Amino acid sequence: MFEKILVPTDFSKDAKKVVECIGDIPGVKEVVLLYVVARDPLARVWDPVAETRDAEKRLLKDEMGAVKAPGINVKVKAVSVLEGEVASAIQKVAEDEKVSLVAMGARGKGQIRSALLGSTSRGMLRFGDTHLLIMHYKALEGGDMVKFCDRVFAKVLFPTDFSQPAEAALSFLKDIGGIGELILLNAVSKGETDEQIEAYVADATAKINEIARDLGKGGMKVTSKVVVGHPVEVISAEAEKEDVSLIALSSQGALAIKRGRIGSTAYDVANSSTRPVLILRRSKIALY
């Protein structure tokens, strides 16, 4: 499903970790390593041709060997843009190369560790039109970083609101292969009284258990959970509680604006999560 993957890099620590673990994604056959040369607004002289050529040489020297999985074809590419157009350049290359996934670190060079997403990953999240994997990394004692990307599909949390986009994203996800365990989650955020909330919980439980049973018939290990609370808070809490390796969700849900590329829940989860997040674009999945 993700046979050709674009990995933008700025040679930062987070970006290099993504390059190192990209071979763990099931089914990958080709990786395009991309460096976007952006003009420094303080530079009096700028030679984009020379900088692009130097960037490609650096990709060949420093980055290609980091893709350690055997049998994967790796190519490098560098493009130049004006300041502030990096995300647009990444999306254009994704379209030109016809990649099925863009995988990138949550932050790049110079990003404060306490910050949420960096400007480039945030731009790809908001305006990109390709399936997007944003790799967050967990800080350990002593300041070291550990990557979640080892067997990133080992334990996947999939939040659903039972909407058509969510159902289509789940159907797409189960066909990726390589998922060790799938946790289905629904957050009940409606109801004015205890009786109303209980009714919504009962309805959601019946729906999510039926989905879990259907998936389980195919041999997948599936569990289901219904939790009362704000969707973003519930998703984040359950991801930590279950120690998942990945949160996967549709870019849009039942309340998303039809023309929008990213719904508020998907955006807030990707922006605030401490776990890797896979955004499955509604525009790239056939709805039934």
Protein backbone atom coordinates (compact mmCIF):
# COMPACT_ATOMS: atom_id res chain seq x y z
CA MET A 1 0.00 0.00 0.00
CA PHE A 2 2.93 2.32 0.77
CA GLU A 3 5.30 1.08 -1.89
CA LYS A 4 6.87 4.47 -2.66
CA ILE A 5 7.65 6.84 0.20
CA LEU A 6 8.94 10.40 0.19
CA VAL A 7 11.14 11.34 3.15
CA PRO A 8 11.94 15.06 3.41
CA THR A 9 15.10 15.69 5.42
CA ASP A 10 16.96 18.71 6.69
CA PHE A 11 19.77 16.54 8.11
CA SER A 12 18.42 17.11 11.62
CA LYS A 13 18.43 14.40 14.29
CA ASP A 14 14.70 13.73 13.97
CA ALA A 15 14.86 13.56 10.18
CA LYS A 16 17.74 11.08 10.23
CA LYS A 17 15.78 8.80 12.55
CA VAL A 18 12.93 8.70 10.04
CA VAL A 19 15.38 7.75 7.29
CA GLU A 20 16.85 5.01 9.47
CA CYS A 21 13.53 3.35 10.22
CA ILE A 22 11.67 3.81 6.94
CA GLY A 23 12.39 0.23 5.94
CA ASP A 24 10.18 -0.98 8.81
CA ILE A 25 7.05 0.21 7.01
CA PRO A 26 5.30 -2.82 5.46
CA GLY A 27 5.55 -3.12 1.68
CA VAL A 28 7.96 -0.27 0.96
CA LYS A 29 9.90 -0.76 -2.26
CA GLU A 30 11.21 2.70 -3.08
CA VAL A 31 12.28 5.70 -0.99
CA VAL A 32 12.82 9.23 -2.29
CA LEU A 33 15.03 11.32 -0.01
CA LEU A 34 14.32 15.01 -0.49
CA TYR A 35 16.12 18.13 0.66
CA VAL A 36 14.51 21.50 0.05
CA VAL A 37 16.97 24.36 -0.27
CA ALA A 38 15.27 27.50 1.05
CA ARG A 39 16.70 30.94 0.59
CA ASP A 40 18.17 32.51 3.71
CA PRO A 41 16.45 35.94 4.04
CA LEU A 42 19.67 37.38 5.50
CA ALA A 43 21.90 36.18 2.66
CA ARG A 44 22.96 38.86 0.18
CA VAL A 45 23.98 36.33 -2.43
CA TRP A 46 22.13 33.10 -3.15
CA ASP A 47 23.11 30.45 -5.68
CA PRO A 48 20.26 27.90 -5.65
CA VAL A 49 21.85 25.77 -8.37
CA ALA A 50 25.07 25.30 -6.41
CA GLU A 51 23.24 24.71 -3.12
CA THR A 52 20.95 22.16 -4.73
CA ARG A 53 23.91 20.32 -6.23
CA ASP A 54 25.71 20.32 -2.87
CA ALA A 55 22.57 19.06 -1.12
CA GLU A 56 22.26 16.11 -3.50
CA LYS A 57 25.90 15.21 -2.88
CA ARG A 58 25.29 15.31 0.86
CA LEU A 59 22.19 13.13 0.51
CA LEU A 60 24.20 10.59 -1.45
CA LYS A 61 27.02 10.63 1.09
CA ASP A 62 25.22 10.91 4.42
CA GLU A 63 21.64 9.72 4.00
CA MET A 64 21.35 6.92 1.43
CA GLY A 65 23.24 4.45 3.58
CA ALA A 66 20.86 5.04 6.49
CA VAL A 67 18.10 3.15 4.66
CA LYS A 68 19.28 -0.24 5.83
CA ALA A 69 16.42 -2.51 4.76
CA PRO A 70 17.49 -4.74 1.84
CA GLY A 71 15.73 -4.59 -1.52
CA ILE A 72 14.64 -0.96 -1.28
CA ASN A 73 15.50 1.36 -4.15
CA VAL A 74 16.70 4.75 -2.88
CA LYS A 75 16.94 7.95 -4.90
CA VAL A 76 17.85 11.46 -3.81
CA LYS A 77 16.45 14.77 -4.92
CA ALA A 78 17.02 18.41 -3.99
CA VAL A 79 14.92 21.40 -5.02
CA SER A 80 15.20 25.11 -4.25
CA VAL A 81 12.41 27.43 -3.11
CA LEU A 82 11.97 30.86 -1.66
CA GLU A 83 11.65 31.22 2.10
CA GLY A 84 8.37 29.88 3.54
CA GLU A 85 7.51 27.60 0.60
CA VAL A 86 9.07 24.37 1.88
CA ALA A 87 5.82 22.47 2.54
CA SER A 88 4.47 23.40 -0.89
CA ALA A 89 7.68 22.14 -2.49
CA ILE A 90 7.42 18.83 -0.63
CA GLN A 91 3.84 18.35 -1.78
CA LYS A 92 4.78 19.13 -5.39
CA VAL A 93 7.58 16.55 -5.33
CA ALA A 94 5.17 14.04 -3.76
CA GLU A 95 2.80 14.58 -6.68
CA ASP A 96 5.55 14.52 -9.33
CA GLU A 97 7.05 11.32 -7.91
CA LYS A 98 3.61 9.77 -7.37
CA VAL A 99 4.48 8.63 -3.87
CA SER A 100 1.89 6.92 -1.69
CA LEU A 101 3.18 8.31 1.61
CA VAL A 102 5.18 11.24 2.98
CA ALA A 103 7.07 10.33 6.16
CA MET A 104 8.76 13.05 8.18
CA GLY A 105 9.89 14.05 11.64
CA ALA A 106 7.69 16.26 13.78
CA ARG A 107 10.43 18.87 14.09
CA GLY A 108 13.42 19.96 12.10
CA LYS A 109 16.54 21.99 12.72
CA GLY A 110 16.31 24.70 15.31
CA GLN A 111 12.96 23.60 16.68
CA ILE A 112 12.56 23.99 20.43
CA ARG A 113 12.11 20.54 21.96
CA SER A 114 9.04 21.63 23.91
CA ALA A 115 7.33 22.89 20.77
CA LEU A 116 4.62 20.92 19.03
CA LEU A 117 4.98 20.44 15.29
CA GLY A 118 7.57 22.35 13.33
CA SER A 119 6.39 24.76 10.65
CA THR A 120 7.11 22.38 7.76
CA SER A 121 5.36 19.34 9.24
CA ARG A 122 2.48 21.58 10.29
CA GLY A 123 2.24 22.93 6.75
CA MET A 124 2.17 19.41 5.30
CA LEU A 125 -0.50 18.42 7.81
CA ARG A 126 -2.75 21.36 6.95
CA PHE A 127 -2.23 21.70 3.22
CA GLY A 128 -0.75 18.41 2.00
CA ASP A 129 -2.78 15.97 -0.06
CA THR A 130 -0.79 12.76 0.43
CA HIS A 131 -1.01 10.20 3.23
CA LEU A 132 1.25 11.57 5.96
CA LEU A 133 3.27 9.84 8.69
CA ILE A 134 4.55 12.24 11.33
CA MET A 135 7.16 10.70 13.60
CA HIS A 136 7.20 11.92 17.18
CA TYR A 137 9.98 10.75 19.47
CA LYS A 138 9.85 10.07 23.18
CA ALA A 139 12.38 11.67 25.52
CA LEU A 140 14.09 9.38 28.00
CA GLU A 141 15.88 10.17 31.23
CA GLY A 142 19.16 11.91 30.56
CA GLY A 143 17.85 13.67 27.46
CA ASP A 144 18.35 10.81 25.02
CA MET A 145 15.69 10.11 22.41
CA VAL A 146 14.17 6.77 21.56
CA LYS A 147 12.37 6.20 18.31
CA PHE A 148 8.94 4.64 18.11
CA CYS A 149 9.51 3.63 14.52
CA ASP A 150 10.85 0.13 15.25
CA ARG A 151 7.89 -1.95 14.08
CA VAL A 152 5.74 1.16 13.85
CA PHE A 153 2.67 -0.95 13.01
CA ALA A 154 3.15 -3.29 15.99
CA LYS A 155 0.31 -1.77 18.03
CA VAL A 156 -1.99 0.66 16.24
CA LEU A 157 -4.68 2.82 17.80
CA PHE A 158 -7.47 3.72 15.36
CA PRO A 159 -10.01 6.29 16.60
CA THR A 160 -13.36 6.16 14.78
CA ASP A 161 -16.52 8.24 14.87
CA PHE A 162 -18.29 5.70 12.63
CA SER A 163 -18.42 8.22 9.79
CA GLN A 164 -17.99 7.20 6.16
CA PRO A 165 -14.45 8.68 5.96
CA ALA A 166 -13.45 6.79 9.11
CA GLU A 167 -14.85 3.51 7.76
CA ALA A 168 -13.01 3.98 4.47
CA ALA A 169 -9.75 4.79 6.30
CA LEU A 170 -10.10 1.67 8.44
CA SER A 171 -10.70 -0.47 5.36
CA PHE A 172 -7.56 1.00 3.80
CA LEU A 173 -5.55 0.50 6.99
CA LYS A 174 -6.37 -3.19 7.39
CA ASP A 175 -5.13 -3.86 3.86
CA ILE A 176 -1.69 -2.37 4.59
CA GLY A 177 -0.58 -5.55 6.33
CA GLY A 178 1.99 -5.96 9.07
CA ILE A 179 -0.29 -4.76 11.88
CA GLY A 180 0.44 -6.71 15.05
CA GLU A 181 -2.49 -5.44 17.10
CA LEU A 182 -5.29 -3.00 16.34
CA ILE A 183 -7.16 -1.06 19.02
CA LEU A 184 -10.42 0.52 17.90
CA LEU A 185 -11.47 3.55 19.91
CA ASN A 186 -14.60 5.67 20.03
CA ALA A 187 -14.87 8.79 22.19
CA VAL A 188 -18.38 9.62 23.35
CA SER A 189 -18.60 13.38 23.70
CA LYS A 190 -22.39 13.82 23.52
CA GLY A 191 -25.14 13.67 26.12
CA GLU A 192 -26.60 16.13 28.61
CA THR A 193 -27.67 13.63 31.27
CA ASP A 194 -26.30 10.37 32.64
CA GLU A 195 -29.07 8.51 30.85
CA GLN A 196 -28.24 10.12 27.50
CA ILE A 197 -24.53 9.42 27.91
CA GLU A 198 -25.24 5.79 28.81
CA ALA A 199 -27.41 5.44 25.71
CA TYR A 200 -24.67 6.86 23.47
CA VAL A 201 -22.10 4.57 25.10
CA ALA A 202 -24.32 1.52 24.58
CA ASP A 203 -24.88 2.40 20.93
CA ALA A 204 -21.18 3.05 20.31
CA THR A 205 -20.20 -0.18 22.08
CA ALA A 206 -22.52 -2.23 19.89
CA LYS A 207 -21.14 -0.61 16.73
CA ILE A 208 -17.46 -0.87 17.61
CA ASN A 209 -17.75 -4.48 18.80
CA GLU A 210 -19.37 -5.44 15.50
CA ILE A 211 -16.50 -3.83 13.58
CA ALA A 212 -13.98 -5.62 15.80
CA ARG A 213 -15.66 -8.98 15.21
CA ASP A 214 -15.60 -8.48 11.44
CA LEU A 215 -11.91 -7.58 11.48
CA GLY A 216 -11.13 -10.48 13.78
CA LYS A 217 -12.57 -12.93 11.28
CA GLY A 218 -9.63 -12.12 9.03
CA GLY A 219 -7.15 -13.19 11.68
CA MET A 220 -6.23 -9.72 12.95
CA LYS A 221 -5.83 -9.21 16.70
CA VAL A 222 -8.42 -6.52 17.49
CA THR A 223 -9.69 -4.97 20.70
CA SER A 224 -12.26 -2.21 21.08
CA LYS A 225 -12.83 0.56 23.59
CA VAL A 226 -15.50 3.22 24.18
CA VAL A 227 -14.48 6.12 26.43
CA VAL A 228 -16.44 9.20 27.50
CA GLY A 229 -14.66 12.50 26.98
CA HIS A 230 -13.32 15.02 24.49
CA PRO A 231 -12.04 13.09 21.42
CA VAL A 232 -8.52 14.60 21.32
CA GLU A 233 -7.99 14.15 25.06
CA VAL A 234 -9.36 10.59 24.97
CA ILE A 235 -7.16 9.62 22.00
CA SER A 236 -4.01 11.03 23.59
CA ALA A 237 -4.73 9.42 26.95
CA GLU A 238 -5.50 6.01 25.47
CA ALA A 239 -2.42 6.12 23.26
CA GLU A 240 -0.26 6.58 26.36
CA LYS A 241 -2.21 4.08 28.46
CA GLU A 242 -2.00 1.36 25.80
CA ASP A 243 1.59 2.31 24.88
CA VAL A 244 0.76 2.17 21.17
CA SER A 245 3.40 2.40 18.46
CA LEU A 246 1.16 4.41 16.12
CA ILE A 247 -2.06 6.41 16.01
CA ALA A 248 -3.77 6.10 12.63
CA LEU A 249 -6.84 8.11 11.72
CA SER A 250 -8.79 9.59 8.87
CA SER A 251 -7.94 13.16 7.88
CA GLN A 252 -11.62 13.99 8.19
CA GLY A 253 -14.55 12.78 10.25
CA ALA A 254 -18.29 13.29 10.38
CA LEU A 255 -18.06 17.02 11.13
CA ALA A 256 -15.22 17.99 8.78
CA ILE A 257 -15.78 20.62 6.14
CA LYS A 258 -16.08 18.79 2.83
CA ARG A 259 -13.52 20.97 1.09
CA GLY A 260 -11.07 20.95 3.97
CA ARG A 261 -7.97 18.77 3.85
CA ILE A 262 -7.75 18.15 7.58
CA GLY A 263 -10.40 17.99 10.29
CA SER A 264 -9.92 19.55 13.71
CA THR A 265 -9.58 16.24 15.58
CA ALA A 266 -6.97 14.84 13.19
CA TYR A 267 -5.05 18.11 13.25
CA ASP A 268 -5.06 18.44 17.03
CA VAL A 269 -4.05 14.80 17.57
CA ALA A 270 -1.16 15.06 15.11
CA ASN A 271 -0.06 18.39 16.57
CA SER A 272 -0.11 17.36 20.22
CA SER A 273 0.62 13.63 20.24
CA THR A 274 3.81 12.16 21.66
CA ARG A 275 3.36 9.10 19.43
CA PRO A 276 3.78 8.67 15.67
CA VAL A 277 0.63 9.68 13.80
CA LEU A 278 -0.52 8.41 10.42
CA ILE A 279 -2.98 10.71 8.65
CA LEU A 280 -4.95 8.84 5.98
CA ARG A 281 -6.16 11.40 3.47
CA ARG A 282 -9.81 11.20 2.54
CA SER A 283 -8.99 12.40 -0.98
CA LYS A 284 -6.70 9.39 -1.54
CA ILE A 285 -9.16 6.76 -0.32
CA ALA A 286 -12.18 5.68 -2.32
CA LEU A 287 -15.31 6.17 -0.22
CA TYR A 288 -18.00 3.57 -0.50
